[in-house]
């Protein structure tokens, strides 16, 4: 199992990379209360903030098990992890820390934000949504088959 798989667990931990333009709904999304720093079930942290597409989540903190090594046997650190499984070979050297993994492009109903989820464990982007469960809890869901089959996990707010 690769470093990213062990560090992050399920693919739903990772969030989304989207190329969808939001247009005039971006300012409305910026006032939702979902912005902030969120801790995943595997202790990673994702910052959700306004972006040109709407709201974007980027990896702000990566937690690795002690003694973790890279595929080449060298010591691993969050700063040395790259997007090695990306389906585009030109993107495989980009750093994981700071990588945009969640892109929310609209609020489908109050507290539910549609978008896409990028899974660095397989290098693919999936449709998904985030549901704000309370002021300090959200559920990230990545889906297949037109949002019929979804997996998700709960995140807890850790900062503004």
C-alpha atoms as a PDB file:
ATOM      1  CA  UNK A   1       0.000   0.000   0.000  1.00  0.00           C
ATOM      2  CA  UNK A   2       1.414   3.422  -0.950  1.00  0.00           C
ATOM      3  CA  UNK A   3       2.233   6.283   1.364  1.00  0.00           C
ATOM      4  CA  UNK A   4      -0.875   8.232   0.396  1.00  0.00           C
ATOM      5  CA  UNK A   5      -3.142   5.243   0.982  1.00  0.00           C
ATOM      6  CA  UNK A   6      -1.743   4.619   4.451  1.00  0.00           C
ATOM      7  CA  UNK A   7      -1.700   8.294   5.351  1.00  0.00           C
ATOM      8  CA  UNK A   8      -5.243   9.057   4.294  1.00  0.00           C
ATOM      9  CA  UNK A   9      -7.279   5.851   4.358  1.00  0.00           C
ATOM     10  CA  UNK A  10     -10.416   5.884   2.266  1.00  0.00           C
ATOM     11  CA  UNK A  11     -10.464   7.787  -0.993  1.00  0.00           C
ATOM     12  CA  UNK A  12     -13.248   9.986   0.296  1.00  0.00           C
ATOM     13  CA  UNK A  13     -10.746  11.661   2.604  1.00  0.00           C
ATOM     14  CA  UNK A  14      -9.367  13.438  -0.394  1.00  0.00           C
ATOM     15  CA  UNK A  15     -11.892  15.873  -1.752  1.00  0.00           C
ATOM     16  CA  UNK A  16     -12.091  17.289  -5.262  1.00  0.00           C
ATOM     17  CA  UNK A  17     -10.399  18.907  -8.190  1.00  0.00           C
ATOM     18  CA  UNK A  18     -12.879  20.505 -10.563  1.00  0.00           C
ATOM     19  CA  UNK A  19     -12.634  22.447 -13.763  1.00  0.00           C
ATOM     20  CA  UNK A  20     -16.254  23.614 -13.630  1.00  0.00           C
ATOM     21  CA  UNK A  21     -16.902  27.333 -13.838  1.00  0.00           C
ATOM     22  CA  UNK A  22     -19.261  28.677 -11.215  1.00  0.00           C
ATOM     23  CA  UNK A  23     -20.229  31.992 -12.732  1.00  0.00           C
ATOM     24  CA  UNK A  24     -22.391  34.243 -10.568  1.00  0.00           C
ATOM     25  CA  UNK A  25     -22.949  31.745  -7.740  1.00  0.00           C
ATOM     26  CA  UNK A  26     -19.405  32.110  -6.349  1.00  0.00           C
ATOM     27  CA  UNK A  27     -20.231  35.099  -4.101  1.00  0.00           C
ATOM     28  CA  UNK A  28     -23.247  33.263  -2.667  1.00  0.00           C
ATOM     29  CA  UNK A  29     -21.127  30.230  -1.791  1.00  0.00           C
ATOM     30  CA  UNK A  30     -18.593  32.452  -0.038  1.00  0.00           C
ATOM     31  CA  UNK A  31     -21.174  33.245   2.667  1.00  0.00           C
ATOM     32  CA  UNK A  32     -22.184  29.701   3.615  1.00  0.00           C
ATOM     33  CA  UNK A  33     -20.234  29.098   6.830  1.00  0.00           C
ATOM     34  CA  UNK A  34     -18.481  26.076   5.332  1.00  0.00           C
ATOM     35  CA  UNK A  35     -15.214  27.979   4.918  1.00  0.00           C
ATOM     36  CA  UNK A  36     -12.474  27.078   7.370  1.00  0.00           C
ATOM     37  CA  UNK A  37     -10.021  24.402   8.390  1.00  0.00           C
ATOM     38  CA  UNK A  38     -11.451  20.867   8.657  1.00  0.00           C
ATOM     39  CA  UNK A  39      -9.873  17.695  10.112  1.00  0.00           C
ATOM     40  CA  UNK A  40     -10.569  14.443   8.279  1.00  0.00           C
ATOM     41  CA  UNK A  41     -11.099  11.074   9.981  1.00  0.00           C
ATOM     42  CA  UNK A  42      -7.418  10.276   9.306  1.00  0.00           C
ATOM     43  CA  UNK A  43      -6.200  13.539  10.967  1.00  0.00           C
ATOM     44  CA  UNK A  44      -5.381  15.331   7.713  1.00  0.00           C
ATOM     45  CA  UNK A  45      -6.531  18.933   7.474  1.00  0.00           C
ATOM     46  CA  UNK A  46      -8.284  20.541   4.513  1.00  0.00           C
ATOM     47  CA  UNK A  47      -8.831  24.288   4.174  1.00  0.00           C
ATOM     48  CA  UNK A  48     -12.064  25.256   2.411  1.00  0.00           C
ATOM     49  CA  UNK A  49     -12.019  28.788   1.013  1.00  0.00           C
ATOM     50  CA  UNK A  50     -13.520  30.793  -1.862  1.00  0.00           C
ATOM     51  CA  UNK A  51     -11.889  30.205  -5.248  1.00  0.00           C
ATOM     52  CA  UNK A  52     -12.762  31.036  -8.871  1.00  0.00           C
ATOM     53  CA  UNK A  53     -14.782  27.795  -9.177  1.00  0.00           C
ATOM     54  CA  UNK A  54     -16.822  28.441  -5.995  1.00  0.00           C
ATOM     55  CA  UNK A  55     -15.335  26.939  -2.841  1.00  0.00           C
ATOM     56  CA  UNK A  56     -12.173  24.837  -2.928  1.00  0.00           C
ATOM     57  CA  UNK A  57     -10.571  22.526  -0.389  1.00  0.00           C
ATOM     58  CA  UNK A  58      -6.795  22.200  -0.312  1.00  0.00           C
ATOM     59  CA  UNK A  59      -4.637  19.863   1.740  1.00  0.00           C
ATOM     60  CA  UNK A  60      -3.260  21.991   4.577  1.00  0.00           C
ATOM     61  CA  UNK A  61      -1.802  19.215   6.731  1.00  0.00           C
ATOM     62  CA  UNK A  62      -0.787  15.632   6.029  1.00  0.00           C
ATOM     63  CA  UNK A  63      -0.153  13.158   8.839  1.00  0.00           C
ATOM     64  CA  UNK A  64       2.163  10.213   8.171  1.00  0.00           C
ATOM     65  CA  UNK A  65       2.809   7.198  10.383  1.00  0.00           C
ATOM     66  CA  UNK A  66       6.211   7.289  12.147  1.00  0.00           C
ATOM     67  CA  UNK A  67       8.977   5.754  10.035  1.00  0.00           C
ATOM     68  CA  UNK A  68       7.013   6.039   6.787  1.00  0.00           C
ATOM     69  CA  UNK A  69       9.130   5.736   3.639  1.00  0.00           C
ATOM     70  CA  UNK A  70       8.576   6.662   0.010  1.00  0.00           C
ATOM     71  CA  UNK A  71       8.440   4.052  -2.753  1.00  0.00           C
ATOM     72  CA  UNK A  72      12.173   4.548  -3.362  1.00  0.00           C
ATOM     73  CA  UNK A  73      12.970   3.811   0.312  1.00  0.00           C
ATOM     74  CA  UNK A  74      13.799   7.377   1.323  1.00  0.00           C
ATOM     75  CA  UNK A  75      12.131   8.871   4.405  1.00  0.00           C
ATOM     76  CA  UNK A  76       8.723  10.349   3.689  1.00  0.00           C
ATOM     77  CA  UNK A  77       7.534  13.709   4.899  1.00  0.00           C
ATOM     78  CA  UNK A  78       4.395  15.665   4.011  1.00  0.00           C
ATOM     79  CA  UNK A  79       6.565  18.056   2.028  1.00  0.00           C
ATOM     80  CA  UNK A  80       7.994  15.270  -0.155  1.00  0.00           C
ATOM     81  CA  UNK A  81       4.705  13.563  -1.117  1.00  0.00           C
ATOM     82  CA  UNK A  82       3.642  14.061  -4.727  1.00  0.00           C
ATOM     83  CA  UNK A  83       0.552  13.187  -6.759  1.00  0.00           C
ATOM     84  CA  UNK A  84       2.151   9.967  -8.093  1.00  0.00           C
ATOM     85  CA  UNK A  85      -1.117   8.284  -9.119  1.00  0.00           C
ATOM     86  CA  UNK A  86      -2.458  11.145 -11.224  1.00  0.00           C
ATOM     87  CA  UNK A  87      -3.740   9.888 -14.566  1.00  0.00           C
ATOM     88  CA  UNK A  88      -1.862  12.758 -16.248  1.00  0.00           C
ATOM     89  CA  UNK A  89       1.886  11.978 -16.112  1.00  0.00           C
ATOM     90  CA  UNK A  90       2.668  15.711 -16.302  1.00  0.00           C
ATOM     91  CA  UNK A  91       0.968  16.219 -12.900  1.00  0.00           C
ATOM     92  CA  UNK A  92       2.611  13.365 -10.991  1.00  0.00           C
ATOM     93  CA  UNK A  93       5.372  15.539  -9.557  1.00  0.00           C
ATOM     94  CA  UNK A  94       3.087  18.183  -8.062  1.00  0.00           C
ATOM     95  CA  UNK A  95       3.180  18.347  -4.249  1.00  0.00           C
ATOM     96  CA  UNK A  96       0.319  16.858  -2.246  1.00  0.00           C
ATOM     97  CA  UNK A  97       0.560  19.557   0.421  1.00  0.00           C
ATOM     98  CA  UNK A  98      -1.518  22.458  -0.882  1.00  0.00           C
ATOM     99  CA  UNK A  99      -3.199  20.321  -3.557  1.00  0.00           C
ATOM    100  CA  UNK A 100      -6.781  21.309  -4.375  1.00  0.00           C
ATOM    101  CA  UNK A 101      -8.858  18.197  -3.686  1.00  0.00           C
ATOM    102  CA  UNK A 102     -12.382  19.562  -3.104  1.00  0.00           C
ATOM    103  CA  UNK A 103     -14.222  21.896  -5.470  1.00  0.00           C
ATOM    104  CA  UNK A 104     -17.775  22.888  -4.629  1.00  0.00           C
ATOM    105  CA  UNK A 105     -19.644  24.505  -7.498  1.00  0.00           C
ATOM    106  CA  UNK A 106     -23.089  25.167  -6.094  1.00  0.00           C
ATOM    107  CA  UNK A 107     -25.495  24.721  -3.211  1.00  0.00           C
ATOM    108  CA  UNK A 108     -28.078  22.156  -4.355  1.00  0.00           C
ATOM    109  CA  UNK A 109     -30.206  22.702  -1.235  1.00  0.00           C
ATOM    110  CA  UNK A 110     -29.500  24.480   2.066  1.00  0.00           C
ATOM    111  CA  UNK A 111     -26.291  23.117   3.557  1.00  0.00           C
ATOM    112  CA  UNK A 112     -25.563  20.709   0.656  1.00  0.00           C
ATOM    113  CA  UNK A 113     -22.871  21.706  -1.813  1.00  0.00           C
ATOM    114  CA  UNK A 114     -22.343  19.891  -5.116  1.00  0.00           C
ATOM    115  CA  UNK A 115     -18.955  19.501  -6.748  1.00  0.00           C
ATOM    116  CA  UNK A 116     -16.218  17.026  -7.463  1.00  0.00           C
ATOM    117  CA  UNK A 117     -13.767  14.984  -5.408  1.00  0.00           C
ATOM    118  CA  UNK A 118     -10.211  14.220  -6.512  1.00  0.00           C
ATOM    119  CA  UNK A 119      -8.824  10.928  -5.207  1.00  0.00           C
ATOM    120  CA  UNK A 120      -5.018  10.969  -5.216  1.00  0.00           C
ATOM    121  CA  UNK A 121      -4.971   7.234  -4.430  1.00  0.00           C
ATOM    122  CA  UNK A 122      -6.200   6.439  -7.946  1.00  0.00           C
ATOM    123  CA  UNK A 123      -5.658   9.790  -9.681  1.00  0.00           C
ATOM    124  CA  UNK A 124      -9.319  10.153 -10.638  1.00  0.00           C
ATOM    125  CA  UNK A 125     -11.953  12.822 -10.077  1.00  0.00           C
ATOM    126  CA  UNK A 126     -15.446  11.859  -8.916  1.00  0.00           C
ATOM    127  CA  UNK A 127     -18.742  13.664  -8.606  1.00  0.00           C
ATOM    128  CA  UNK A 128     -19.609  14.385  -5.013  1.00  0.00           C
ATOM    129  CA  UNK A 129     -21.107  16.681  -2.449  1.00  0.00           C
ATOM    130  CA  UNK A 130     -20.523  18.103   0.990  1.00  0.00           C
ATOM    131  CA  UNK A 131     -23.294  18.267   3.550  1.00  0.00           C
ATOM    132  CA  UNK A 132     -22.975  20.705   6.435  1.00  0.00           C
ATOM    133  CA  UNK A 133     -24.244  18.680   9.410  1.00  0.00           C
ATOM    134  CA  UNK A 134     -23.756  21.447  11.982  1.00  0.00           C
ATOM    135  CA  UNK A 135     -21.583  24.512  12.529  1.00  0.00           C
ATOM    136  CA  UNK A 136     -18.508  22.334  13.169  1.00  0.00           C
ATOM    137  CA  UNK A 137     -19.260  19.069  11.314  1.00  0.00           C
ATOM    138  CA  UNK A 138     -19.572  18.235   7.628  1.00  0.00           C
ATOM    139  CA  UNK A 139     -19.824  15.053   5.588  1.00  0.00           C
ATOM    140  CA  UNK A 140     -17.807  14.709   2.393  1.00  0.00           C
ATOM    141  CA  UNK A 141     -19.216  12.227  -0.150  1.00  0.00           C
ATOM    142  CA  UNK A 142     -17.607  10.939  -3.345  1.00  0.00           C
ATOM    143  CA  UNK A 143     -19.973   9.236  -5.761  1.00  0.00           C
ATOM    144  CA  UNK A 144     -20.240   6.994  -8.825  1.00  0.00           C
ATOM    145  CA  UNK A 145     -23.117   6.274 -11.194  1.00  0.00           C
ATOM    146  CA  UNK A 146     -24.714   9.734 -11.226  1.00  0.00           C
ATOM    147  CA  UNK A 147     -24.462  10.132  -7.421  1.00  0.00           C
ATOM    148  CA  UNK A 148     -26.281   6.839  -6.799  1.00  0.00           C
ATOM    149  CA  UNK A 149     -23.383   5.004  -5.128  1.00  0.00           C
ATOM    150  CA  UNK A 150     -21.595   7.264  -2.637  1.00  0.00           C
ATOM    151  CA  UNK A 151     -19.016   6.862   0.136  1.00  0.00           C
ATOM    152  CA  UNK A 152     -18.217   9.497   2.640  1.00  0.00           C
ATOM    153  CA  UNK A 153     -16.725  10.508   5.921  1.00  0.00           C
ATOM    154  CA  UNK A 154     -17.283  13.154   8.560  1.00  0.00           C
ATOM    155  CA  UNK A 155     -14.921  16.089   9.040  1.00  0.00           C
ATOM    156  CA  UNK A 156     -14.676  18.337  12.116  1.00  0.00           C
ATOM    157  CA  UNK A 157     -13.887  22.037  12.036  1.00  0.00           C
ATOM    158  CA  UNK A 158     -10.572  22.880  13.697  1.00  0.00           C
ATOM    159  CA  UNK A 159     -10.207  26.521  12.758  1.00  0.00           C
ATOM    160  CA  UNK A 160     -11.515  29.484  10.831  1.00  0.00           C
END
